[in-house]
Amino acid sequence: MTNIVFIATSLDGFIADKDNKVDWLHEIPNPDNSDLGYNAFIERVQALVIGRNTLETVLSFGIDWPYTKPVFVLSNTMKAVPARLEDKVFLVKGPLTEVMTKIHGQGYNNLYIDGGLTIQSFLKEDLIDELIITTIPVLLGGGISLFGGLVAPLKFKHVKSEPFIDYLVQNSFIRVR
């Protein structure tokens, strides 16, 4: 069972700007439409776990649903998902350990964990096994931070660094337990 974060941050560690926008992610030229390692990564996972805010952000893009794998949305307030996504998106709530037991019980063991608060919640419970972080060369000066407070330090081992499209660096880390 592996919980993996695959995300981009600014140089100063933010995943969204002060207005909760992610437009800056698309300002780097990508003339060959590189997937920046996403397709190889997504093949490794069986399902996604995201928060309500991330779901709302994805829905705001005005595109077709981008995921072919089941998406579990952590929310204590949502009562239903959009009708067009009922067979793709599943609401889950409760303590993370219970939620993970339910998801694993359905046969989904390798999970993509996405969304600022969701990632922070998983880190607080020491439920992240791998971090793949692509750094975008911009300083935002504020916004939504990838990392929040922790009860105790979590140690990771750096296992790989890969440059992409002459602008970005993607670093991979494995949790040391």
N, C-alpha and C. Protein backbone atom coordinates (compact mmCIF):
# COMPACT_ATOMS: atom_id res chain seq x y z
N MET A 1 0.84 -1.17 0.00
CA MET A 1 0.00 0.00 0.00
C MET A 1 0.89 1.23 0.00
N THR A 2 0.66 2.09 -0.97
CA THR A 2 1.49 3.28 -1.12
C THR A 2 0.61 4.50 -1.38
N ASN A 3 0.86 5.55 -0.62
CA ASN A 3 0.19 6.82 -0.82
C ASN A 3 1.22 7.80 -1.36
N ILE A 4 0.94 8.33 -2.56
CA ILE A 4 1.92 9.15 -3.26
C ILE A 4 1.36 10.53 -3.56
N VAL A 5 2.17 11.54 -3.33
CA VAL A 5 1.84 12.92 -3.71
C VAL A 5 2.59 13.22 -4.99
N PHE A 6 1.89 13.77 -5.98
CA PHE A 6 2.49 14.23 -7.24
C PHE A 6 1.95 15.64 -7.43
N ILE A 7 2.80 16.64 -7.26
CA ILE A 7 2.30 18.02 -7.23
C ILE A 7 3.40 18.99 -7.66
N ALA A 8 2.99 20.18 -8.04
CA ALA A 8 3.93 21.25 -8.38
C ALA A 8 3.83 22.36 -7.33
N THR A 9 4.97 22.97 -7.07
CA THR A 9 4.99 24.10 -6.14
C THR A 9 5.82 25.23 -6.74
N SER A 10 5.61 26.41 -6.21
CA SER A 10 6.47 27.54 -6.54
C SER A 10 7.79 27.35 -5.80
N LEU A 11 8.77 28.18 -6.10
CA LEU A 11 10.05 28.10 -5.39
C LEU A 11 9.88 28.28 -3.89
N ASP A 12 8.88 29.08 -3.50
CA ASP A 12 8.66 29.32 -2.08
C ASP A 12 7.62 28.38 -1.46
N GLY A 13 7.31 27.28 -2.16
CA GLY A 13 6.53 26.22 -1.57
C GLY A 13 5.02 26.33 -1.60
N PHE A 14 4.50 27.16 -2.51
CA PHE A 14 3.05 27.33 -2.59
C PHE A 14 2.48 26.53 -3.75
N ILE A 15 1.26 26.02 -3.56
CA ILE A 15 0.57 25.26 -4.62
C ILE A 15 -0.52 26.08 -5.29
N ALA A 16 -0.85 27.21 -4.71
CA ALA A 16 -1.79 28.17 -5.30
C ALA A 16 -1.38 29.55 -4.83
N ASP A 17 -1.74 30.57 -5.60
CA ASP A 17 -1.33 31.93 -5.24
C ASP A 17 -2.25 32.53 -4.18
N LYS A 18 -2.06 33.81 -3.87
CA LYS A 18 -2.83 34.48 -2.83
C LYS A 18 -4.33 34.54 -3.13
N ASP A 19 -4.69 34.40 -4.40
CA ASP A 19 -6.11 34.40 -4.81
C ASP A 19 -6.62 32.98 -5.04
N ASN A 20 -5.88 31.99 -4.54
CA ASN A 20 -6.21 30.57 -4.71
C ASN A 20 -6.24 30.15 -6.17
N LYS A 21 -5.47 30.80 -7.00
CA LYS A 21 -5.40 30.48 -8.43
C LYS A 21 -4.12 29.72 -8.74
N VAL A 22 -4.18 28.94 -9.83
CA VAL A 22 -3.03 28.14 -10.25
C VAL A 22 -2.59 28.49 -11.67
N ASP A 23 -3.00 29.64 -12.17
CA ASP A 23 -2.65 30.07 -13.53
C ASP A 23 -1.14 30.06 -13.76
N TRP A 24 -0.38 30.41 -12.75
CA TRP A 24 1.08 30.49 -12.85
C TRP A 24 1.70 29.15 -13.22
N LEU A 25 0.98 28.05 -12.99
CA LEU A 25 1.49 26.73 -13.37
C LEU A 25 1.64 26.58 -14.88
N HIS A 26 0.89 27.35 -15.62
CA HIS A 26 0.85 27.19 -17.07
C HIS A 26 1.61 28.27 -17.82
N GLU A 27 2.38 29.07 -17.10
CA GLU A 27 3.12 30.15 -17.73
C GLU A 27 4.47 29.71 -18.29
N ILE A 28 4.93 28.53 -17.94
CA ILE A 28 6.21 28.02 -18.45
C ILE A 28 5.98 27.46 -19.85
N PRO A 29 6.79 27.87 -20.82
CA PRO A 29 6.63 27.33 -22.18
C PRO A 29 6.81 25.82 -22.21
N ASN A 30 5.91 25.15 -22.91
CA ASN A 30 5.97 23.69 -23.04
C ASN A 30 5.60 23.34 -24.49
N PRO A 31 6.46 23.74 -25.43
CA PRO A 31 6.13 23.61 -26.85
C PRO A 31 5.89 22.16 -27.31
N ASP A 32 6.49 21.18 -26.64
CA ASP A 32 6.30 19.78 -27.03
C ASP A 32 5.20 19.10 -26.23
N ASN A 33 4.49 19.88 -25.40
CA ASN A 33 3.42 19.35 -24.56
C ASN A 33 3.87 18.17 -23.71
N SER A 34 5.03 18.30 -23.09
CA SER A 34 5.52 17.26 -22.19
C SER A 34 4.52 17.04 -21.06
N ASP A 35 4.32 15.80 -20.69
CA ASP A 35 3.42 15.51 -19.57
C ASP A 35 4.14 15.61 -18.22
N LEU A 36 5.42 15.93 -18.25
CA LEU A 36 6.24 16.13 -17.05
C LEU A 36 6.23 14.92 -16.13
N GLY A 37 6.15 13.75 -16.73
CA GLY A 37 6.19 12.51 -15.95
C GLY A 37 4.84 12.05 -15.43
N TYR A 38 3.78 12.79 -15.72
CA TYR A 38 2.47 12.46 -15.17
C TYR A 38 1.95 11.11 -15.66
N ASN A 39 2.05 10.82 -16.94
CA ASN A 39 1.49 9.57 -17.46
C ASN A 39 2.16 8.35 -16.84
N ALA A 40 3.48 8.38 -16.69
CA ALA A 40 4.17 7.26 -16.04
C ALA A 40 3.73 7.15 -14.58
N PHE A 41 3.57 8.29 -13.93
CA PHE A 41 3.13 8.28 -12.53
C PHE A 41 1.72 7.71 -12.40
N ILE A 42 0.78 8.18 -13.20
CA ILE A 42 -0.62 7.79 -13.05
C ILE A 42 -0.81 6.30 -13.31
N GLU A 43 0.08 5.71 -14.10
CA GLU A 43 0.02 4.26 -14.32
C GLU A 43 0.31 3.47 -13.05
N ARG A 44 1.01 4.09 -12.12
CA ARG A 44 1.40 3.42 -10.87
C ARG A 44 0.28 3.37 -9.84
N VAL A 45 -0.72 4.23 -9.99
CA VAL A 45 -1.76 4.33 -8.97
C VAL A 45 -3.06 3.71 -9.44
N GLN A 46 -3.89 3.34 -8.47
CA GLN A 46 -5.17 2.70 -8.77
C GLN A 46 -6.35 3.64 -8.57
N ALA A 47 -6.16 4.68 -7.76
CA ALA A 47 -7.24 5.62 -7.47
C ALA A 47 -6.64 6.90 -6.91
N LEU A 48 -7.47 7.95 -6.84
CA LEU A 48 -7.05 9.23 -6.30
C LEU A 48 -7.84 9.52 -5.03
N VAL A 49 -7.22 10.24 -4.11
CA VAL A 49 -7.90 10.77 -2.94
C VAL A 49 -7.64 12.27 -2.94
N ILE A 50 -8.71 13.04 -3.03
CA ILE A 50 -8.60 14.50 -3.07
C ILE A 50 -9.59 15.10 -2.08
N GLY A 51 -9.47 16.39 -1.85
CA GLY A 51 -10.42 17.10 -1.01
C GLY A 51 -11.46 17.82 -1.85
N ARG A 52 -12.47 18.34 -1.17
CA ARG A 52 -13.55 19.06 -1.84
C ARG A 52 -13.03 20.27 -2.62
N ASN A 53 -12.09 21.01 -2.03
CA ASN A 53 -11.54 22.18 -2.73
C ASN A 53 -10.87 21.79 -4.04
N THR A 54 -10.14 20.70 -4.03
CA THR A 54 -9.47 20.25 -5.26
C THR A 54 -10.51 19.82 -6.28
N LEU A 55 -11.55 19.13 -5.84
CA LEU A 55 -12.63 18.75 -6.77
C LEU A 55 -13.23 19.99 -7.40
N GLU A 56 -13.53 20.99 -6.59
CA GLU A 56 -14.13 22.22 -7.12
C GLU A 56 -13.19 22.93 -8.08
N THR A 57 -11.89 22.91 -7.79
CA THR A 57 -10.92 23.52 -8.69
C THR A 57 -10.91 22.80 -10.03
N VAL A 58 -10.86 21.48 -10.00
CA VAL A 58 -10.85 20.70 -11.26
C VAL A 58 -12.13 20.97 -12.05
N LEU A 59 -13.27 21.01 -11.37
CA LEU A 59 -14.54 21.27 -12.06
C LEU A 59 -14.58 22.68 -12.66
N SER A 60 -13.87 23.62 -12.04
CA SER A 60 -13.87 25.01 -12.54
C SER A 60 -13.07 25.18 -13.82
N PHE A 61 -12.25 24.20 -14.19
CA PHE A 61 -11.44 24.30 -15.40
C PHE A 61 -12.30 24.24 -16.66
N GLY A 62 -13.52 23.77 -16.56
CA GLY A 62 -14.41 23.70 -17.72
C GLY A 62 -13.95 22.71 -18.78
N ILE A 63 -13.35 21.62 -18.34
CA ILE A 63 -12.86 20.59 -19.26
C ILE A 63 -13.59 19.28 -18.97
N ASP A 64 -13.42 18.30 -19.86
CA ASP A 64 -13.95 16.97 -19.59
C ASP A 64 -13.25 16.42 -18.35
N TRP A 65 -13.93 15.53 -17.65
CA TRP A 65 -13.34 14.94 -16.45
C TRP A 65 -11.99 14.31 -16.81
N PRO A 66 -10.89 14.74 -16.16
CA PRO A 66 -9.56 14.32 -16.60
C PRO A 66 -9.07 12.97 -16.08
N TYR A 67 -9.84 12.34 -15.19
CA TYR A 67 -9.33 11.12 -14.56
C TYR A 67 -10.06 9.88 -15.06
N THR A 68 -9.30 8.82 -15.31
CA THR A 68 -9.88 7.55 -15.74
C THR A 68 -9.95 6.57 -14.58
N LYS A 69 -9.40 6.94 -13.45
CA LYS A 69 -9.39 6.08 -12.27
C LYS A 69 -10.38 6.64 -11.24
N PRO A 70 -10.84 5.80 -10.33
CA PRO A 70 -11.78 6.28 -9.31
C PRO A 70 -11.18 7.42 -8.49
N VAL A 71 -12.02 8.39 -8.16
CA VAL A 71 -11.60 9.54 -7.36
C VAL A 71 -12.43 9.55 -6.08
N PHE A 72 -11.76 9.46 -4.94
CA PHE A 72 -12.42 9.54 -3.64
C PHE A 72 -12.23 10.96 -3.11
N VAL A 73 -13.35 11.61 -2.79
CA VAL A 73 -13.30 12.99 -2.32
C VAL A 73 -13.59 13.03 -0.83
N LEU A 74 -12.62 13.54 -0.07
CA LEU A 74 -12.79 13.71 1.37
C LEU A 74 -13.61 14.96 1.61
N SER A 75 -14.78 14.81 2.22
CA SER A 75 -15.60 15.98 2.54
C SER A 75 -16.60 15.62 3.61
N ASN A 76 -16.68 16.49 4.60
CA ASN A 76 -17.70 16.34 5.64
C ASN A 76 -18.94 17.16 5.31
N THR A 77 -18.87 17.98 4.25
CA THR A 77 -19.99 18.87 3.95
C THR A 77 -20.73 18.53 2.65
N MET A 78 -20.05 17.94 1.69
CA MET A 78 -20.72 17.60 0.43
C MET A 78 -21.71 16.47 0.65
N LYS A 79 -22.88 16.61 0.03
CA LYS A 79 -23.91 15.57 0.15
C LYS A 79 -23.98 14.69 -1.09
N ALA A 80 -23.54 15.23 -2.24
CA ALA A 80 -23.61 14.48 -3.50
C ALA A 80 -22.57 15.04 -4.46
N VAL A 81 -22.21 14.22 -5.44
CA VAL A 81 -21.31 14.66 -6.50
C VAL A 81 -22.16 15.02 -7.71
N PRO A 82 -21.62 15.79 -8.65
CA PRO A 82 -22.39 16.09 -9.87
C PRO A 82 -22.85 14.79 -10.54
N ALA A 83 -24.08 14.80 -11.03
CA ALA A 83 -24.69 13.59 -11.61
C ALA A 83 -23.81 12.94 -12.67
N ARG A 84 -23.14 13.74 -13.48
CA ARG A 84 -22.31 13.19 -14.56
C ARG A 84 -21.08 12.45 -14.05
N LEU A 85 -20.78 12.60 -12.75
CA LEU A 85 -19.58 11.97 -12.19
C LEU A 85 -19.90 10.87 -11.18
N GLU A 86 -21.17 10.50 -11.05
CA GLU A 86 -21.57 9.55 -10.02
C GLU A 86 -20.87 8.20 -10.10
N ASP A 87 -20.44 7.79 -11.27
CA ASP A 87 -19.73 6.51 -11.39
C ASP A 87 -18.21 6.69 -11.38
N LYS A 88 -17.76 7.93 -11.15
CA LYS A 88 -16.32 8.22 -11.18
C LYS A 88 -15.80 8.82 -9.88
N VAL A 89 -16.69 9.52 -9.16
CA VAL A 89 -16.31 10.25 -7.96
C VAL A 89 -17.14 9.73 -6.79
N PHE A 90 -16.44 9.46 -5.66
CA PHE A 90 -17.10 8.87 -4.51
C PHE A 90 -16.77 9.67 -3.26
N LEU A 91 -17.78 10.09 -2.52
CA LEU A 91 -17.58 10.86 -1.31
C LEU A 91 -17.19 9.93 -0.16
N VAL A 92 -16.21 10.35 0.61
CA VAL A 92 -15.79 9.62 1.80
C VAL A 92 -15.59 10.63 2.93
N LYS A 93 -15.88 10.19 4.14
CA LYS A 93 -15.65 11.07 5.29
C LYS A 93 -15.33 10.24 6.52
N GLY A 94 -14.78 10.92 7.50
CA GLY A 94 -14.41 10.26 8.73
C GLY A 94 -12.92 10.36 8.97
N PRO A 95 -12.44 9.74 10.05
CA PRO A 95 -11.00 9.74 10.32
C PRO A 95 -10.24 9.09 9.16
N LEU A 96 -9.09 9.65 8.83
CA LEU A 96 -8.32 9.17 7.67
C LEU A 96 -8.00 7.68 7.75
N THR A 97 -7.68 7.18 8.91
CA THR A 97 -7.35 5.76 9.00
C THR A 97 -8.56 4.90 8.63
N GLU A 98 -9.76 5.33 9.03
CA GLU A 98 -10.97 4.59 8.67
C GLU A 98 -11.25 4.71 7.17
N VAL A 99 -11.09 5.90 6.64
CA VAL A 99 -11.30 6.12 5.21
C VAL A 99 -10.34 5.25 4.41
N MET A 100 -9.08 5.20 4.83
CA MET A 100 -8.10 4.40 4.10
C MET A 100 -8.43 2.91 4.19
N THR A 101 -8.91 2.46 5.32
CA THR A 101 -9.32 1.06 5.47
C THR A 101 -10.44 0.73 4.48
N LYS A 102 -11.41 1.65 4.34
CA LYS A 102 -12.52 1.44 3.40
C LYS A 102 -12.01 1.40 1.95
N ILE A 103 -11.14 2.33 1.60
CA ILE A 103 -10.62 2.39 0.22
C ILE A 103 -9.78 1.15 -0.08
N HIS A 104 -8.90 0.79 0.86
CA HIS A 104 -8.08 -0.41 0.66
C HIS A 104 -8.96 -1.66 0.59
N GLY A 105 -10.04 -1.68 1.35
CA GLY A 105 -10.96 -2.81 1.33
C GLY A 105 -11.64 -3.00 -0.02
N GLN A 106 -11.65 -1.94 -0.83
CA GLN A 106 -12.21 -2.02 -2.17
C GLN A 106 -11.14 -2.41 -3.20
N GLY A 107 -9.93 -2.69 -2.73
CA GLY A 107 -8.87 -3.15 -3.63
C GLY A 107 -7.98 -2.06 -4.17
N TYR A 108 -8.12 -0.84 -3.68
CA TYR A 108 -7.29 0.27 -4.14
C TYR A 108 -6.18 0.48 -3.11
N ASN A 109 -4.96 0.07 -3.46
CA ASN A 109 -3.86 0.12 -2.51
C ASN A 109 -2.80 1.16 -2.85
N ASN A 110 -2.66 1.52 -4.11
CA ASN A 110 -1.68 2.53 -4.51
C ASN A 110 -2.45 3.79 -4.89
N LEU A 111 -2.34 4.81 -4.05
CA LEU A 111 -3.20 5.98 -4.16
C LEU A 111 -2.43 7.26 -4.45
N TYR A 112 -3.03 8.09 -5.28
CA TYR A 112 -2.54 9.44 -5.59
C TYR A 112 -3.26 10.38 -4.64
N ILE A 113 -2.51 11.02 -3.77
CA ILE A 113 -3.08 11.95 -2.79
C ILE A 113 -2.85 13.36 -3.31
N ASP A 114 -3.94 14.14 -3.47
CA ASP A 114 -3.81 15.47 -4.07
C ASP A 114 -4.68 16.48 -3.33
N GLY A 115 -4.20 17.72 -3.32
CA GLY A 115 -4.91 18.83 -2.70
C GLY A 115 -4.22 19.25 -1.43
N GLY A 116 -4.08 20.56 -1.26
CA GLY A 116 -3.31 21.10 -0.13
C GLY A 116 -3.72 20.58 1.23
N LEU A 117 -4.98 20.77 1.61
CA LEU A 117 -5.42 20.33 2.94
C LEU A 117 -5.39 18.81 3.06
N THR A 118 -5.70 18.12 1.98
CA THR A 118 -5.67 16.66 2.00
C THR A 118 -4.25 16.16 2.23
N ILE A 119 -3.30 16.70 1.49
CA ILE A 119 -1.90 16.30 1.67
C ILE A 119 -1.45 16.61 3.09
N GLN A 120 -1.78 17.79 3.60
CA GLN A 120 -1.39 18.16 4.96
C GLN A 120 -2.00 17.21 5.98
N SER A 121 -3.26 16.82 5.78
CA SER A 121 -3.91 15.88 6.69
C SER A 121 -3.23 14.52 6.67
N PHE A 122 -2.88 14.04 5.48
CA PHE A 122 -2.19 12.76 5.36
C PHE A 122 -0.81 12.83 6.02
N LEU A 123 -0.10 13.95 5.84
CA LEU A 123 1.21 14.09 6.47
C LEU A 123 1.08 14.11 8.00
N LYS A 124 0.07 14.80 8.52
CA LYS A 124 -0.12 14.84 9.98
C LYS A 124 -0.35 13.45 10.55
N GLU A 125 -0.96 12.58 9.76
CA GLU A 125 -1.21 11.20 10.20
C GLU A 125 -0.09 10.25 9.77
N ASP A 126 0.97 10.79 9.18
CA ASP A 126 2.10 10.01 8.66
C ASP A 126 1.63 8.93 7.70
N LEU A 127 0.80 9.35 6.73
CA LEU A 127 0.24 8.42 5.74
C LEU A 127 0.77 8.64 4.32
N ILE A 128 1.82 9.43 4.18
CA ILE A 128 2.43 9.65 2.86
C ILE A 128 3.71 8.83 2.77
N ASP A 129 3.80 8.03 1.70
CA ASP A 129 4.97 7.18 1.50
C ASP A 129 5.96 7.75 0.49
N GLU A 130 5.46 8.59 -0.40
CA GLU A 130 6.32 9.12 -1.47
C GLU A 130 5.84 10.52 -1.85
N LEU A 131 6.80 11.40 -2.08
CA LEU A 131 6.52 12.76 -2.56
C LEU A 131 7.22 12.95 -3.90
N ILE A 132 6.48 13.40 -4.89
CA ILE A 132 7.06 13.78 -6.18
C ILE A 132 6.66 15.24 -6.38
N ILE A 133 7.64 16.12 -6.27
CA ILE A 133 7.37 17.56 -6.27
C ILE A 133 8.11 18.22 -7.42
N THR A 134 7.35 18.84 -8.31
CA THR A 134 7.93 19.60 -9.42
C THR A 134 7.98 21.06 -9.01
N THR A 135 9.15 21.66 -9.09
CA THR A 135 9.33 23.05 -8.69
C THR A 135 9.24 23.95 -9.91
N ILE A 136 8.33 24.92 -9.83
CA ILE A 136 8.14 25.93 -10.88
C ILE A 136 8.97 27.16 -10.47
N PRO A 137 9.81 27.69 -11.34
CA PRO A 137 10.69 28.79 -10.97
C PRO A 137 9.98 30.15 -10.88
N VAL A 138 9.12 30.26 -9.88
CA VAL A 138 8.44 31.52 -9.62
C VAL A 138 8.29 31.67 -8.10
N LEU A 139 8.41 32.88 -7.61
CA LEU A 139 8.15 33.18 -6.21
C LEU A 139 6.78 33.83 -6.12
N LEU A 140 5.88 33.23 -5.37
CA LEU A 140 4.52 33.77 -5.25
C LEU A 140 4.37 34.70 -4.06
N GLY A 141 5.21 34.54 -3.04
CA GLY A 141 5.15 35.43 -1.89
C GLY A 141 3.97 35.18 -0.97
N GLY A 142 3.22 34.15 -1.21
CA GLY A 142 2.08 33.83 -0.35
C GLY A 142 1.08 33.00 -1.13
N GLY A 143 0.13 32.44 -0.42
CA GLY A 143 -0.88 31.61 -1.03
C GLY A 143 -1.13 30.38 -0.21
N ILE A 144 -1.43 29.28 -0.86
CA ILE A 144 -1.67 28.02 -0.17
C ILE A 144 -0.37 27.23 -0.14
N SER A 145 0.11 26.98 1.05
CA SER A 145 1.36 26.25 1.23
C SER A 145 1.13 24.76 1.05
N LEU A 146 2.11 24.07 0.48
CA LEU A 146 2.02 22.63 0.37
C LEU A 146 2.06 21.98 1.75
N PHE A 147 2.93 22.47 2.60
CA PHE A 147 3.13 21.84 3.90
C PHE A 147 2.56 22.68 5.02
N GLY A 148 2.01 22.02 6.02
CA GLY A 148 1.51 22.69 7.21
C GLY A 148 2.28 22.19 8.42
N GLY A 149 1.73 22.44 9.58
CA GLY A 149 2.37 22.01 10.81
C GLY A 149 2.28 20.50 10.99
N LEU A 150 3.27 19.96 11.67
CA LEU A 150 3.33 18.53 11.97
C LEU A 150 3.52 18.32 13.46
N VAL A 151 3.07 17.18 13.94
CA VAL A 151 3.26 16.82 15.33
C VAL A 151 4.74 16.53 15.59
N ALA A 152 5.38 15.86 14.64
CA ALA A 152 6.79 15.51 14.75
C ALA A 152 7.39 15.54 13.34
N PRO A 153 8.70 15.72 13.24
CA PRO A 153 9.33 15.71 11.92
C PRO A 153 9.12 14.38 11.19
N LEU A 154 8.99 14.46 9.88
CA LEU A 154 8.90 13.27 9.03
C LEU A 154 10.13 13.27 8.14
N LYS A 155 10.86 12.17 8.13
CA LYS A 155 12.09 12.10 7.33
C LYS A 155 11.81 11.40 6.01
N PHE A 156 12.38 11.96 4.96
CA PHE A 156 12.28 11.41 3.62
C PHE A 156 13.68 11.29 3.04
N LYS A 157 13.84 10.33 2.14
CA LYS A 157 15.11 10.14 1.43
C LYS A 157 14.92 10.61 -0.01
N HIS A 158 15.82 11.47 -0.47
CA HIS A 158 15.78 11.92 -1.86
C HIS A 158 16.26 10.78 -2.75
N VAL A 159 15.44 10.40 -3.75
CA VAL A 159 15.80 9.26 -4.59
C VAL A 159 16.01 9.64 -6.06
N LYS A 160 15.54 10.82 -6.45
CA LYS A 160 15.69 11.16 -7.87
C LYS A 160 15.43 12.65 -8.07
N SER A 161 16.15 13.20 -9.03
CA SER A 161 15.94 14.57 -9.46
C SER A 161 15.97 14.57 -10.98
N GLU A 162 14.94 15.16 -11.58
CA GLU A 162 14.84 15.13 -13.03
C GLU A 162 14.44 16.50 -13.57
N PRO A 163 15.23 17.04 -14.51
CA PRO A 163 14.84 18.31 -15.13
C PRO A 163 13.82 18.08 -16.24
N PHE A 164 12.93 19.05 -16.43
CA PHE A 164 11.95 19.00 -17.50
C PHE A 164 11.92 20.34 -18.22
N ILE A 165 11.79 20.31 -19.50
CA ILE A 165 11.62 21.45 -20.42
C ILE A 165 12.48 22.66 -20.08
N ASP A 166 13.69 22.42 -19.64
CA ASP A 166 14.69 23.47 -19.37
C ASP A 166 14.28 24.48 -18.30
N TYR A 167 13.18 24.25 -17.60
CA TYR A 167 12.72 25.21 -16.60
C TYR A 167 12.42 24.57 -15.25
N LEU A 168 12.01 23.33 -15.27
CA LEU A 168 11.46 22.70 -14.08
C LEU A 168 12.38 21.61 -13.56
N VAL A 169 12.28 21.38 -12.26
CA VAL A 169 12.99 20.27 -11.64
C VAL A 169 11.98 19.47 -10.83
N GLN A 170 11.99 18.16 -11.06
CA GLN A 170 11.09 17.27 -10.33
C GLN A 170 11.93 16.41 -9.39
N ASN A 171 11.64 16.50 -8.10
CA ASN A 171 12.35 15.74 -7.09
C ASN A 171 11.43 14.68 -6.50
N SER A 172 11.98 13.48 -6.31
CA SER A 172 11.22 12.38 -5.73
C SER A 172 11.84 11.99 -4.40
N PHE A 173 10.97 11.76 -3.41
CA PHE A 173 11.39 11.42 -2.07
C PHE A 173 10.58 10.22 -1.57
N ILE A 174 11.22 9.36 -0.80
CA ILE A 174 10.57 8.20 -0.19
C ILE A 174 10.61 8.38 1.33
N ARG A 175 9.52 8.07 1.97
CA ARG A 175 9.43 8.19 3.43
C ARG A 175 10.36 7.18 4.09
N VAL A 176 11.16 7.65 5.04
CA VAL A 176 12.04 6.81 5.83
C VAL A 176 11.34 6.55 7.15
N ARG A 177 11.07 5.29 7.43
CA ARG A 177 10.35 4.94 8.69
C ARG A 177 11.25 4.17 9.63
